[in-house]
Amino acid sequence: MSEDKKKILVLFAHPSQERSEVNKPLFTACQQHGDVTAIDLYREYPTFHIDIDKEQQRLIEHDVIIFLFPLYWYSTPAILKQWQDLVLEYGFAYGANGHALQGKTFLCAVTAGGSEAAYQKEGYNHFSIRELLHPLEQTASLTGMIYLAPFVLFSARSAVEEDRVNAHIESLRHLLTALANDTLDVETASSLPVLNTNLSNLFNA
């Protein structure tokens, strides 16, 4: 990774990867990006015994933190919650002398089985994706990170047959590059409900 670029850490969590049609290729795209350190948490910690010191050092060494996961019961997969509970300690991530994450950028890259219309007040799920992820948004706020709107692929179950996966992967690649080059309009990206269409409008020349 170039020294003058922002370093990106992608933490991937999918408990059933053999059935993944979207998240696995998204993770592969992250692995192939030159400015990204991509970690498969389930592969790294099959017994959930998370190395707290190692994970905290990873956070210190990176400028952008991305959680990549399928939305499971309106939340993250279990290992990602375990990671948060153990790694984001008082005195490290928040509280007295807990300033390690101050000023870093935080993003959730999420796939959702339902349509965008289902994730609305009047929709099937009654809440938007951003509302459902409020605990993570508040985590970013408490730790002093800049929270971007979630990057979402809706109707993920039908994305392959509808030939939408490759375009979403390409959007992710462009987003990663903009984050690394610090050419993303962060103010606008932070204010939107989701990031999933017209991302080029957020990229500064």
N, C-alpha and C. Protein backbone atom coordinates (compact mmCIF):
# COMPACT_ATOMS: atom_id res chain seq x y z
N MET A 1 0.84 -1.19 0.00
CA MET A 1 0.00 0.00 0.00
C MET A 1 0.88 1.24 0.00
N SER A 2 0.50 2.20 -0.83
CA SER A 2 1.26 3.44 -0.92
C SER A 2 1.15 4.22 0.38
N GLU A 3 2.26 4.84 0.78
CA GLU A 3 2.30 5.57 2.05
C GLU A 3 1.38 6.79 2.05
N ASP A 4 1.14 7.37 0.86
CA ASP A 4 0.33 8.58 0.82
C ASP A 4 -1.16 8.28 0.65
N LYS A 5 -1.52 7.02 0.64
CA LYS A 5 -2.92 6.65 0.55
C LYS A 5 -3.45 6.23 1.92
N LYS A 6 -4.77 6.34 2.06
CA LYS A 6 -5.38 5.86 3.30
C LYS A 6 -5.43 4.33 3.26
N LYS A 7 -5.17 3.74 4.40
CA LYS A 7 -5.16 2.29 4.51
C LYS A 7 -6.53 1.80 4.98
N ILE A 8 -7.03 0.81 4.28
CA ILE A 8 -8.39 0.32 4.51
C ILE A 8 -8.35 -1.08 5.11
N LEU A 9 -9.10 -1.28 6.18
CA LEU A 9 -9.25 -2.59 6.80
C LEU A 9 -10.68 -3.08 6.58
N VAL A 10 -10.82 -4.22 5.92
CA VAL A 10 -12.13 -4.82 5.71
C VAL A 10 -12.25 -6.05 6.60
N LEU A 11 -13.24 -6.06 7.47
CA LEU A 11 -13.53 -7.20 8.35
C LEU A 11 -14.78 -7.89 7.82
N PHE A 12 -14.58 -9.08 7.29
CA PHE A 12 -15.64 -9.83 6.61
C PHE A 12 -16.20 -10.89 7.55
N ALA A 13 -17.53 -10.96 7.63
CA ALA A 13 -18.18 -11.96 8.49
C ALA A 13 -19.35 -12.59 7.75
N HIS A 14 -19.21 -13.87 7.45
CA HIS A 14 -20.30 -14.63 6.84
C HIS A 14 -20.20 -16.07 7.35
N PRO A 15 -21.17 -16.50 8.16
CA PRO A 15 -21.08 -17.82 8.79
C PRO A 15 -21.40 -18.99 7.88
N SER A 16 -21.88 -18.72 6.68
CA SER A 16 -22.28 -19.80 5.77
C SER A 16 -21.77 -19.49 4.36
N GLN A 17 -20.45 -19.41 4.23
CA GLN A 17 -19.87 -18.95 2.97
C GLN A 17 -20.11 -19.89 1.80
N GLU A 18 -20.30 -21.18 2.09
CA GLU A 18 -20.57 -22.13 1.00
C GLU A 18 -21.89 -21.84 0.30
N ARG A 19 -22.73 -21.04 0.94
CA ARG A 19 -24.02 -20.68 0.35
C ARG A 19 -24.04 -19.22 -0.14
N SER A 20 -22.90 -18.57 -0.03
CA SER A 20 -22.85 -17.15 -0.38
C SER A 20 -22.65 -16.95 -1.88
N GLU A 21 -23.55 -16.20 -2.48
CA GLU A 21 -23.44 -15.87 -3.90
C GLU A 21 -22.96 -14.44 -4.13
N VAL A 22 -23.02 -13.62 -3.10
CA VAL A 22 -22.69 -12.21 -3.26
C VAL A 22 -21.53 -11.79 -2.35
N ASN A 23 -21.60 -12.14 -1.09
CA ASN A 23 -20.58 -11.69 -0.15
C ASN A 23 -19.19 -12.23 -0.46
N LYS A 24 -19.10 -13.48 -0.87
CA LYS A 24 -17.79 -14.05 -1.20
C LYS A 24 -17.12 -13.30 -2.34
N PRO A 25 -17.81 -13.05 -3.46
CA PRO A 25 -17.15 -12.26 -4.51
C PRO A 25 -16.87 -10.82 -4.10
N LEU A 26 -17.68 -10.25 -3.22
CA LEU A 26 -17.38 -8.91 -2.70
C LEU A 26 -16.09 -8.95 -1.88
N PHE A 27 -15.94 -9.98 -1.05
CA PHE A 27 -14.73 -10.11 -0.25
C PHE A 27 -13.52 -10.34 -1.14
N THR A 28 -13.69 -11.14 -2.19
CA THR A 28 -12.58 -11.38 -3.13
C THR A 28 -12.14 -10.07 -3.77
N ALA A 29 -13.08 -9.22 -4.13
CA ALA A 29 -12.74 -7.91 -4.70
C ALA A 29 -11.94 -7.08 -3.71
N CYS A 30 -12.30 -7.17 -2.44
CA CYS A 30 -11.55 -6.45 -1.40
C CYS A 30 -10.13 -7.01 -1.29
N GLN A 31 -10.01 -8.33 -1.32
CA GLN A 31 -8.69 -8.96 -1.24
C GLN A 31 -7.78 -8.53 -2.39
N GLN A 32 -8.37 -8.29 -3.53
CA GLN A 32 -7.60 -7.96 -4.73
C GLN A 32 -7.25 -6.48 -4.84
N HIS A 33 -7.82 -5.67 -3.98
CA HIS A 33 -7.57 -4.22 -4.04
C HIS A 33 -6.27 -3.90 -3.31
N GLY A 34 -5.41 -3.15 -3.96
CA GLY A 34 -4.08 -2.89 -3.44
C GLY A 34 -4.00 -2.07 -2.18
N ASP A 35 -5.06 -1.38 -1.84
CA ASP A 35 -5.05 -0.51 -0.65
C ASP A 35 -5.83 -1.09 0.52
N VAL A 36 -6.16 -2.37 0.43
CA VAL A 36 -7.04 -3.00 1.41
C VAL A 36 -6.35 -4.17 2.10
N THR A 37 -6.52 -4.23 3.42
CA THR A 37 -6.23 -5.44 4.19
C THR A 37 -7.57 -6.10 4.47
N ALA A 38 -7.77 -7.30 3.93
CA ALA A 38 -9.07 -7.97 4.02
C ALA A 38 -8.96 -9.19 4.93
N ILE A 39 -9.78 -9.23 5.98
CA ILE A 39 -9.73 -10.28 6.99
C ILE A 39 -11.06 -11.02 7.04
N ASP A 40 -11.00 -12.33 6.88
CA ASP A 40 -12.17 -13.19 7.04
C ASP A 40 -12.21 -13.63 8.51
N LEU A 41 -13.12 -13.04 9.28
CA LEU A 41 -13.13 -13.28 10.71
C LEU A 41 -13.47 -14.73 11.07
N TYR A 42 -14.38 -15.36 10.34
CA TYR A 42 -14.72 -16.74 10.65
C TYR A 42 -13.56 -17.68 10.34
N ARG A 43 -12.79 -17.38 9.32
CA ARG A 43 -11.61 -18.20 9.02
C ARG A 43 -10.48 -17.92 10.02
N GLU A 44 -10.33 -16.66 10.39
CA GLU A 44 -9.28 -16.26 11.32
C GLU A 44 -9.52 -16.81 12.73
N TYR A 45 -10.82 -16.82 13.12
CA TYR A 45 -11.15 -17.23 14.49
C TYR A 45 -12.28 -18.27 14.47
N PRO A 46 -11.99 -19.49 14.02
CA PRO A 46 -13.05 -20.51 13.92
C PRO A 46 -13.64 -20.91 15.27
N THR A 47 -12.89 -20.67 16.35
CA THR A 47 -13.41 -20.98 17.70
C THR A 47 -13.87 -19.72 18.44
N PHE A 48 -13.90 -18.59 17.73
CA PHE A 48 -14.34 -17.31 18.31
C PHE A 48 -13.35 -16.78 19.36
N HIS A 49 -12.15 -17.33 19.41
CA HIS A 49 -11.15 -16.86 20.38
C HIS A 49 -10.37 -15.72 19.73
N ILE A 50 -10.88 -14.52 19.87
CA ILE A 50 -10.35 -13.37 19.16
C ILE A 50 -9.11 -12.82 19.87
N ASP A 51 -8.08 -12.57 19.08
CA ASP A 51 -6.84 -11.99 19.59
C ASP A 51 -7.04 -10.48 19.70
N ILE A 52 -7.35 -10.01 20.87
CA ILE A 52 -7.71 -8.61 21.07
C ILE A 52 -6.55 -7.68 20.71
N ASP A 53 -5.36 -7.99 21.18
CA ASP A 53 -4.20 -7.13 20.90
C ASP A 53 -3.93 -7.03 19.40
N LYS A 54 -4.04 -8.16 18.71
CA LYS A 54 -3.82 -8.19 17.26
C LYS A 54 -4.85 -7.33 16.53
N GLU A 55 -6.10 -7.46 16.93
CA GLU A 55 -7.16 -6.71 16.27
C GLU A 55 -7.06 -5.22 16.58
N GLN A 56 -6.69 -4.88 17.79
CA GLN A 56 -6.52 -3.46 18.11
C GLN A 56 -5.36 -2.85 17.33
N GLN A 57 -4.30 -3.61 17.14
CA GLN A 57 -3.17 -3.11 16.36
C GLN A 57 -3.57 -2.90 14.91
N ARG A 58 -4.39 -3.80 14.38
CA ARG A 58 -4.90 -3.62 13.01
C ARG A 58 -5.68 -2.31 12.90
N LEU A 59 -6.50 -2.04 13.87
CA LEU A 59 -7.27 -0.80 13.85
C LEU A 59 -6.36 0.42 13.89
N ILE A 60 -5.35 0.38 14.72
CA ILE A 60 -4.42 1.49 14.83
C ILE A 60 -3.72 1.75 13.49
N GLU A 61 -3.41 0.68 12.76
CA GLU A 61 -2.62 0.78 11.54
C GLU A 61 -3.43 1.20 10.31
N HIS A 62 -4.75 1.27 10.42
CA HIS A 62 -5.59 1.59 9.27
C HIS A 62 -6.40 2.85 9.51
N ASP A 63 -6.77 3.48 8.40
CA ASP A 63 -7.49 4.76 8.44
C ASP A 63 -8.99 4.60 8.22
N VAL A 64 -9.35 3.56 7.49
CA VAL A 64 -10.75 3.30 7.15
C VAL A 64 -11.09 1.89 7.61
N ILE A 65 -12.19 1.75 8.34
CA ILE A 65 -12.64 0.45 8.83
C ILE A 65 -13.97 0.11 8.16
N ILE A 66 -14.03 -1.07 7.55
CA ILE A 66 -15.25 -1.51 6.86
C ILE A 66 -15.68 -2.85 7.42
N PHE A 67 -16.95 -2.94 7.81
CA PHE A 67 -17.57 -4.22 8.15
C PHE A 67 -18.31 -4.71 6.91
N LEU A 68 -17.96 -5.89 6.43
CA LEU A 68 -18.61 -6.49 5.26
C LEU A 68 -19.38 -7.71 5.74
N PHE A 69 -20.71 -7.70 5.58
CA PHE A 69 -21.52 -8.79 6.13
C PHE A 69 -22.92 -8.81 5.54
N PRO A 70 -23.57 -9.98 5.56
CA PRO A 70 -24.99 -10.05 5.25
C PRO A 70 -25.80 -9.67 6.48
N LEU A 71 -26.88 -8.97 6.29
CA LEU A 71 -27.73 -8.59 7.42
C LEU A 71 -28.45 -9.84 7.93
N TYR A 72 -28.16 -10.21 9.19
CA TYR A 72 -28.76 -11.39 9.80
C TYR A 72 -29.67 -10.94 10.93
N TRP A 73 -30.97 -11.16 10.78
CA TRP A 73 -31.92 -10.77 11.81
C TRP A 73 -31.69 -9.32 12.26
N TYR A 74 -31.54 -8.46 11.25
CA TYR A 74 -31.44 -7.01 11.47
C TYR A 74 -30.17 -6.60 12.21
N SER A 75 -29.15 -7.44 12.14
CA SER A 75 -27.91 -7.14 12.84
C SER A 75 -26.74 -7.81 12.13
N THR A 76 -25.60 -7.82 12.79
CA THR A 76 -24.40 -8.44 12.24
C THR A 76 -24.37 -9.93 12.57
N PRO A 77 -23.62 -10.72 11.81
CA PRO A 77 -23.36 -12.10 12.21
C PRO A 77 -22.65 -12.15 13.57
N ALA A 78 -22.75 -13.28 14.23
CA ALA A 78 -22.33 -13.38 15.63
C ALA A 78 -20.87 -13.01 15.87
N ILE A 79 -19.97 -13.45 14.99
CA ILE A 79 -18.56 -13.20 15.26
C ILE A 79 -18.22 -11.72 15.20
N LEU A 80 -18.95 -10.98 14.39
CA LEU A 80 -18.69 -9.55 14.29
C LEU A 80 -19.15 -8.83 15.56
N LYS A 81 -20.22 -9.31 16.16
CA LYS A 81 -20.64 -8.77 17.46
C LYS A 81 -19.62 -9.14 18.54
N GLN A 82 -19.13 -10.38 18.49
CA GLN A 82 -18.10 -10.81 19.43
C GLN A 82 -16.85 -9.94 19.30
N TRP A 83 -16.48 -9.66 18.06
CA TRP A 83 -15.32 -8.80 17.79
C TRP A 83 -15.52 -7.43 18.42
N GLN A 84 -16.70 -6.84 18.22
CA GLN A 84 -16.98 -5.53 18.79
C GLN A 84 -16.90 -5.55 20.31
N ASP A 85 -17.51 -6.57 20.91
CA ASP A 85 -17.58 -6.65 22.37
C ASP A 85 -16.19 -6.74 23.00
N LEU A 86 -15.28 -7.45 22.33
CA LEU A 86 -13.96 -7.69 22.90
C LEU A 86 -12.93 -6.65 22.50
N VAL A 87 -12.96 -6.22 21.26
CA VAL A 87 -11.89 -5.37 20.72
C VAL A 87 -12.09 -3.90 21.07
N LEU A 88 -13.31 -3.43 21.05
CA LEU A 88 -13.57 -2.00 21.27
C LEU A 88 -13.66 -1.71 22.77
N GLU A 89 -12.56 -1.89 23.44
CA GLU A 89 -12.51 -1.79 24.89
C GLU A 89 -12.49 -0.34 25.38
N TYR A 90 -12.97 -0.18 26.61
CA TYR A 90 -12.81 1.08 27.34
C TYR A 90 -11.31 1.33 27.52
N GLY A 91 -10.91 2.56 27.29
CA GLY A 91 -9.49 2.89 27.39
C GLY A 91 -8.74 2.71 26.10
N PHE A 92 -9.38 2.03 25.13
CA PHE A 92 -8.80 1.90 23.79
C PHE A 92 -9.67 2.63 22.77
N ALA A 93 -10.93 2.22 22.69
CA ALA A 93 -11.83 2.79 21.69
C ALA A 93 -12.66 3.95 22.23
N TYR A 94 -12.83 4.03 23.54
CA TYR A 94 -13.63 5.10 24.13
C TYR A 94 -13.22 5.26 25.59
N GLY A 95 -13.78 6.28 26.24
CA GLY A 95 -13.51 6.51 27.65
C GLY A 95 -12.18 7.20 27.88
N ALA A 96 -11.73 7.17 29.10
CA ALA A 96 -10.48 7.82 29.47
C ALA A 96 -9.32 7.24 28.66
N ASN A 97 -8.65 8.10 27.93
CA ASN A 97 -7.51 7.71 27.10
C ASN A 97 -7.89 6.77 25.94
N GLY A 98 -9.17 6.63 25.69
CA GLY A 98 -9.61 5.74 24.61
C GLY A 98 -9.83 6.48 23.31
N HIS A 99 -8.73 6.87 22.68
CA HIS A 99 -8.82 7.72 21.48
C HIS A 99 -8.25 7.07 20.23
N ALA A 100 -8.07 5.75 20.24
CA ALA A 100 -7.37 5.07 19.15
C ALA A 100 -8.09 5.18 17.80
N LEU A 101 -9.41 5.35 17.83
CA LEU A 101 -10.19 5.36 16.59
C LEU A 101 -10.60 6.77 16.15
N GLN A 102 -10.22 7.77 16.92
CA GLN A 102 -10.61 9.15 16.61
C GLN A 102 -10.20 9.53 15.19
N GLY A 103 -11.18 10.04 14.42
CA GLY A 103 -10.89 10.55 13.09
C GLY A 103 -10.87 9.52 11.98
N LYS A 104 -10.96 8.23 12.32
CA LYS A 104 -10.99 7.20 11.29
C LYS A 104 -12.38 7.18 10.65
N THR A 105 -12.46 6.59 9.47
CA THR A 105 -13.73 6.49 8.74
C THR A 105 -14.29 5.09 8.90
N PHE A 106 -15.60 4.99 9.11
CA PHE A 106 -16.25 3.70 9.33
C PHE A 106 -17.41 3.51 8.36
N LEU A 107 -17.48 2.31 7.79
CA LEU A 107 -18.50 2.01 6.78
C LEU A 107 -18.96 0.57 6.95
N CYS A 108 -20.26 0.35 6.80
CA CYS A 108 -20.81 -1.00 6.73
C CYS A 108 -21.18 -1.31 5.28
N ALA A 109 -20.63 -2.40 4.76
CA ALA A 109 -21.00 -2.88 3.42
C ALA A 109 -21.89 -4.10 3.64
N VAL A 110 -23.15 -3.98 3.31
CA VAL A 110 -24.18 -4.92 3.74
C VAL A 110 -24.95 -5.48 2.56
N THR A 111 -25.33 -6.74 2.66
CA THR A 111 -26.30 -7.30 1.73
C THR A 111 -27.57 -7.61 2.51
N ALA A 112 -28.71 -7.36 1.87
CA ALA A 112 -30.01 -7.59 2.50
C ALA A 112 -30.88 -8.40 1.57
N GLY A 113 -31.56 -9.39 2.12
CA GLY A 113 -32.38 -10.25 1.29
C GLY A 113 -33.60 -9.54 0.72
N GLY A 114 -34.15 -8.58 1.46
CA GLY A 114 -35.35 -7.89 1.02
C GLY A 114 -35.05 -6.72 0.09
N SER A 115 -36.09 -6.22 -0.52
CA SER A 115 -35.97 -5.08 -1.42
C SER A 115 -35.80 -3.80 -0.62
N GLU A 116 -35.39 -2.74 -1.30
CA GLU A 116 -35.25 -1.45 -0.62
C GLU A 116 -36.60 -0.99 -0.08
N ALA A 117 -37.67 -1.26 -0.81
CA ALA A 117 -39.01 -0.86 -0.36
C ALA A 117 -39.41 -1.56 0.93
N ALA A 118 -38.85 -2.77 1.17
CA ALA A 118 -39.17 -3.50 2.39
C ALA A 118 -38.53 -2.87 3.62
N TYR A 119 -37.46 -2.13 3.39
CA TYR A 119 -36.75 -1.48 4.49
C TYR A 119 -37.13 -0.01 4.57
N GLN A 120 -38.40 0.22 4.83
CA GLN A 120 -38.95 1.56 5.00
C GLN A 120 -40.00 1.50 6.12
N LYS A 121 -40.38 2.65 6.62
CA LYS A 121 -41.34 2.70 7.72
C LYS A 121 -42.62 1.94 7.39
N GLU A 122 -43.10 2.10 6.16
CA GLU A 122 -44.35 1.44 5.76
C GLU A 122 -44.10 0.09 5.11
N GLY A 123 -42.84 -0.33 5.04
CA GLY A 123 -42.51 -1.59 4.39
C GLY A 123 -42.57 -2.78 5.34
N TYR A 124 -42.21 -3.93 4.80
CA TYR A 124 -42.30 -5.20 5.52
C TYR A 124 -41.48 -5.19 6.82
N ASN A 125 -40.31 -4.54 6.79
CA ASN A 125 -39.42 -4.55 7.95
C ASN A 125 -39.54 -3.32 8.84
N HIS A 126 -40.37 -2.34 8.43
CA HIS A 126 -40.73 -1.18 9.26
C HIS A 126 -39.61 -0.17 9.53
N PHE A 127 -38.39 -0.51 9.25
CA PHE A 127 -37.26 0.40 9.48
C PHE A 127 -36.33 0.37 8.28
N SER A 128 -35.64 1.47 8.08
CA SER A 128 -34.63 1.52 7.02
C SER A 128 -33.37 0.78 7.47
N ILE A 129 -32.52 0.44 6.52
CA ILE A 129 -31.25 -0.19 6.86
C ILE A 129 -30.44 0.71 7.79
N ARG A 130 -30.42 1.99 7.49
CA ARG A 130 -29.63 2.89 8.33
C ARG A 130 -30.18 2.91 9.76
N GLU A 131 -31.50 2.87 9.90
CA GLU A 131 -32.10 2.84 11.24
C GLU A 131 -31.74 1.54 11.96
N LEU A 132 -31.77 0.44 11.26
CA LEU A 132 -31.46 -0.85 11.88
C LEU A 132 -30.00 -0.92 12.31
N LEU A 133 -29.16 -0.15 11.65
CA LEU A 133 -27.72 -0.13 11.98
C LEU A 133 -27.36 0.99 12.95
N HIS A 134 -28.35 1.61 13.57
CA HIS A 134 -28.07 2.69 14.52
C HIS A 134 -27.09 2.30 15.64
N PRO A 135 -27.12 1.06 16.15
CA PRO A 135 -26.11 0.71 17.16
C PRO A 135 -24.68 0.88 16.64
N LEU A 136 -24.44 0.54 15.38
CA LEU A 136 -23.11 0.71 14.80
C LEU A 136 -22.81 2.18 14.55
N GLU A 137 -23.83 2.92 14.16
CA GLU A 137 -23.63 4.36 13.97
C GLU A 137 -23.28 5.03 15.29
N GLN A 138 -23.95 4.63 16.36
CA GLN A 138 -23.64 5.19 17.67
C GLN A 138 -22.26 4.74 18.15
N THR A 139 -21.87 3.52 17.81
CA THR A 139 -20.52 3.05 18.13
C THR A 139 -19.48 3.94 17.48
N ALA A 140 -19.72 4.27 16.21
CA ALA A 140 -18.81 5.18 15.51
C ALA A 140 -18.76 6.53 16.20
N SER A 141 -19.93 7.03 16.60
CA SER A 141 -19.99 8.33 17.27
C SER A 141 -19.23 8.31 18.59
N LEU A 142 -19.46 7.26 19.38
CA LEU A 142 -18.83 7.16 20.69
C LEU A 142 -17.31 7.07 20.58
N THR A 143 -16.83 6.41 19.53
CA THR A 143 -15.39 6.21 19.37
C THR A 143 -14.72 7.29 18.53
N GLY A 144 -15.51 8.27 18.08
CA GLY A 144 -14.95 9.40 17.34
C GLY A 144 -14.67 9.13 15.88
N MET A 145 -15.31 8.10 15.32
CA MET A 145 -15.13 7.80 13.90
C MET A 145 -16.16 8.53 13.04
N ILE A 146 -15.83 8.72 11.80
CA ILE A 146 -16.73 9.32 10.82
C ILE A 146 -17.57 8.20 10.22
N TYR A 147 -18.87 8.27 10.40
CA TYR A 147 -19.77 7.20 9.95
C TYR A 147 -20.34 7.53 8.58
N LEU A 148 -20.10 6.65 7.62
CA LEU A 148 -20.67 6.81 6.29
C LEU A 148 -21.97 6.01 6.19
N ALA A 149 -22.86 6.45 5.34
CA ALA A 149 -24.08 5.69 5.10
C ALA A 149 -23.71 4.29 4.62
N PRO A 150 -24.50 3.27 4.98
CA PRO A 150 -24.15 1.90 4.59
C PRO A 150 -24.20 1.70 3.07
N PHE A 151 -23.25 0.93 2.59
CA PHE A 151 -23.19 0.53 1.19
C PHE A 151 -23.97 -0.78 1.07
N VAL A 152 -25.11 -0.75 0.38
CA VAL A 152 -26.08 -1.85 0.49
C VAL A 152 -26.43 -2.44 -0.88
N LEU A 153 -26.48 -3.76 -0.92
CA LEU A 153 -27.10 -4.45 -2.04
C LEU A 153 -28.42 -5.04 -1.54
N PHE A 154 -29.53 -4.49 -2.01
CA PHE A 154 -30.85 -4.99 -1.64
C PHE A 154 -31.23 -6.18 -2.54
N SER A 155 -32.23 -6.93 -2.10
CA SER A 155 -32.71 -8.11 -2.85
C SER A 155 -31.54 -9.01 -3.26
N ALA A 156 -30.67 -9.26 -2.30
CA ALA A 156 -29.45 -10.01 -2.59
C ALA A 156 -29.74 -11.44 -3.04
N ARG A 157 -30.85 -12.00 -2.59
CA ARG A 157 -31.17 -13.39 -2.95
C ARG A 157 -31.39 -13.57 -4.45
N SER A 158 -31.83 -12.52 -5.10
CA SER A 158 -32.10 -12.62 -6.54
C SER A 158 -31.06 -11.88 -7.38
N ALA A 159 -29.99 -11.41 -6.75
CA ALA A 159 -29.01 -10.57 -7.45
C ALA A 159 -28.28 -11.31 -8.55
N VAL A 160 -27.98 -12.60 -8.34
CA VAL A 160 -27.25 -13.37 -9.35
C VAL A 160 -28.12 -13.57 -10.58
N GLU A 161 -29.33 -14.06 -10.39
CA GLU A 161 -30.20 -14.34 -11.54
C GLU A 161 -30.60 -13.06 -12.26
N GLU A 162 -30.59 -11.95 -11.55
CA GLU A 162 -30.91 -10.67 -12.19
C GLU A 162 -29.67 -9.94 -12.70
N ASP A 163 -28.52 -10.58 -12.58
CA ASP A 163 -27.26 -10.08 -13.12
C ASP A 163 -26.90 -8.70 -12.55
N ARG A 164 -27.01 -8.58 -11.22
CA ARG A 164 -26.69 -7.30 -10.57
C ARG A 164 -25.41 -7.36 -9.74
N VAL A 165 -24.82 -8.53 -9.61
CA VAL A 165 -23.69 -8.68 -8.71
C VAL A 165 -22.44 -7.97 -9.23
N ASN A 166 -22.13 -8.17 -10.49
CA ASN A 166 -20.89 -7.58 -11.04
C ASN A 166 -20.89 -6.06 -10.95
N ALA A 167 -22.02 -5.45 -11.20
CA ALA A 167 -22.11 -3.99 -11.12
C ALA A 167 -21.90 -3.52 -9.68
N HIS A 168 -22.42 -4.29 -8.72
CA HIS A 168 -22.25 -3.92 -7.32
C HIS A 168 -20.79 -4.08 -6.89
N ILE A 169 -20.15 -5.13 -7.37
CA ILE A 169 -18.73 -5.32 -7.08
C ILE A 169 -17.91 -4.18 -7.65
N GLU A 170 -18.23 -3.79 -8.86
CA GLU A 170 -17.50 -2.68 -9.49
C GLU A 170 -17.70 -1.39 -8.71
N SER A 171 -18.91 -1.17 -8.20
CA SER A 171 -19.16 0.02 -7.38
C SER A 171 -18.34 -0.02 -6.11
N LEU A 172 -18.21 -1.21 -5.53
CA LEU A 172 -17.40 -1.35 -4.33
C LEU A 172 -15.94 -1.04 -4.63
N ARG A 173 -15.43 -1.52 -5.74
CA ARG A 173 -14.04 -1.23 -6.12
C ARG A 173 -13.81 0.27 -6.24
N HIS A 174 -14.73 0.96 -6.89
CA HIS A 174 -14.60 2.41 -7.05
C HIS A 174 -14.67 3.11 -5.69
N LEU A 175 -15.55 2.62 -4.83
CA LEU A 175 -15.68 3.21 -3.50
C LEU A 175 -14.40 3.02 -2.69
N LEU A 176 -13.83 1.83 -2.74
CA LEU A 176 -12.57 1.57 -2.05
C LEU A 176 -11.45 2.47 -2.55
N THR A 177 -11.40 2.64 -3.86
CA THR A 177 -10.36 3.50 -4.44
C THR A 177 -10.53 4.94 -4.02
N ALA A 178 -11.78 5.42 -4.00
CA ALA A 178 -12.04 6.79 -3.57
C ALA A 178 -11.69 6.99 -2.09
N LEU A 179 -11.97 5.99 -1.28
CA LEU A 179 -11.62 6.06 0.15
C LEU A 179 -10.10 6.08 0.32
N ALA A 180 -9.42 5.25 -0.43
CA ALA A 180 -7.95 5.19 -0.33
C ALA A 180 -7.31 6.48 -0.81
N ASN A 181 -7.86 7.06 -1.86
CA ASN A 181 -7.29 8.29 -2.44
C ASN A 181 -7.81 9.55 -1.77
N ASP A 182 -8.73 9.37 -0.81
CA ASP A 182 -9.34 10.51 -0.11
C ASP A 182 -10.05 11.44 -1.08
N THR A 183 -10.75 10.84 -2.04
CA THR A 183 -11.50 11.63 -3.03
C THR A 183 -13.00 11.43 -2.90
N LEU A 184 -13.44 10.87 -1.78
CA LEU A 184 -14.86 10.69 -1.54
C LEU A 184 -15.42 11.93 -0.86
N ASP A 185 -16.60 12.38 -1.30
CA ASP A 185 -17.31 13.47 -0.64
C ASP A 185 -17.90 12.91 0.65
N VAL A 186 -17.12 12.96 1.71
CA VAL A 186 -17.49 12.32 2.97
C VAL A 186 -18.72 12.96 3.59
N GLU A 187 -18.85 14.26 3.49
CA GLU A 187 -20.00 14.94 4.08
C GLU A 187 -21.30 14.44 3.49
N THR A 188 -21.34 14.34 2.16
CA THR A 188 -22.54 13.85 1.50
C THR A 188 -22.74 12.36 1.77
N ALA A 189 -21.66 11.60 1.72
CA ALA A 189 -21.75 10.15 1.94
C ALA A 189 -22.21 9.83 3.36
N SER A 190 -21.96 10.73 4.28
CA SER A 190 -22.39 10.53 5.66
C SER A 190 -23.87 10.84 5.85
N SER A 191 -24.43 11.67 4.98
CA SER A 191 -25.78 12.16 5.18
C SER A 191 -26.86 11.35 4.48
N LEU A 192 -26.47 10.49 3.54
CA LEU A 192 -27.44 9.75 2.75
C LEU A 192 -28.04 8.58 3.53
N PRO A 193 -29.22 8.11 3.13
CA PRO A 193 -29.79 6.92 3.78
C PRO A 193 -28.93 5.68 3.53
N VAL A 194 -28.51 5.49 2.27
CA VAL A 194 -27.64 4.38 1.90
C VAL A 194 -26.75 4.82 0.74
N LEU A 195 -25.68 4.06 0.52
CA LEU A 195 -24.85 4.23 -0.67
C LEU A 195 -25.06 2.99 -1.53
N ASN A 196 -25.73 3.15 -2.66
CA ASN A 196 -25.88 1.99 -3.55
C ASN A 196 -26.11 2.38 -5.00
N THR A 197 -26.38 3.65 -5.27
CA THR A 197 -26.56 4.08 -6.65
C THR A 197 -25.88 5.44 -6.86
N ASN A 198 -25.47 5.69 -8.08
CA ASN A 198 -24.88 6.99 -8.45
C ASN A 198 -23.71 7.37 -7.56
N LEU A 199 -22.87 6.39 -7.24
CA LEU A 199 -21.72 6.69 -6.38
C LEU A 199 -20.74 7.65 -7.04
N SER A 200 -20.71 7.66 -8.37
CA SER A 200 -19.77 8.54 -9.07
C SER A 200 -19.98 10.00 -8.70
N ASN A 201 -21.23 10.34 -8.29
CA ASN A 201 -21.51 11.72 -7.89
C ASN A 201 -20.80 12.10 -6.59
N LEU A 202 -20.31 11.10 -5.86
CA LEU A 202 -19.66 11.34 -4.58
C LEU A 202 -18.14 11.39 -4.69
N PHE A 203 -17.63 11.16 -5.89
CA PHE A 203 -16.19 11.11 -6.08
C PHE A 203 -15.68 12.46 -6.57
N ASN A 204 -14.79 13.06 -5.81
CA ASN A 204 -14.17 14.31 -6.22
C ASN A 204 -13.03 14.03 -7.19
N ALA A 205 -12.84 14.95 -8.09
CA ALA A 205 -11.77 14.78 -9.10
C ALA A 205 -10.42 14.84 -8.43
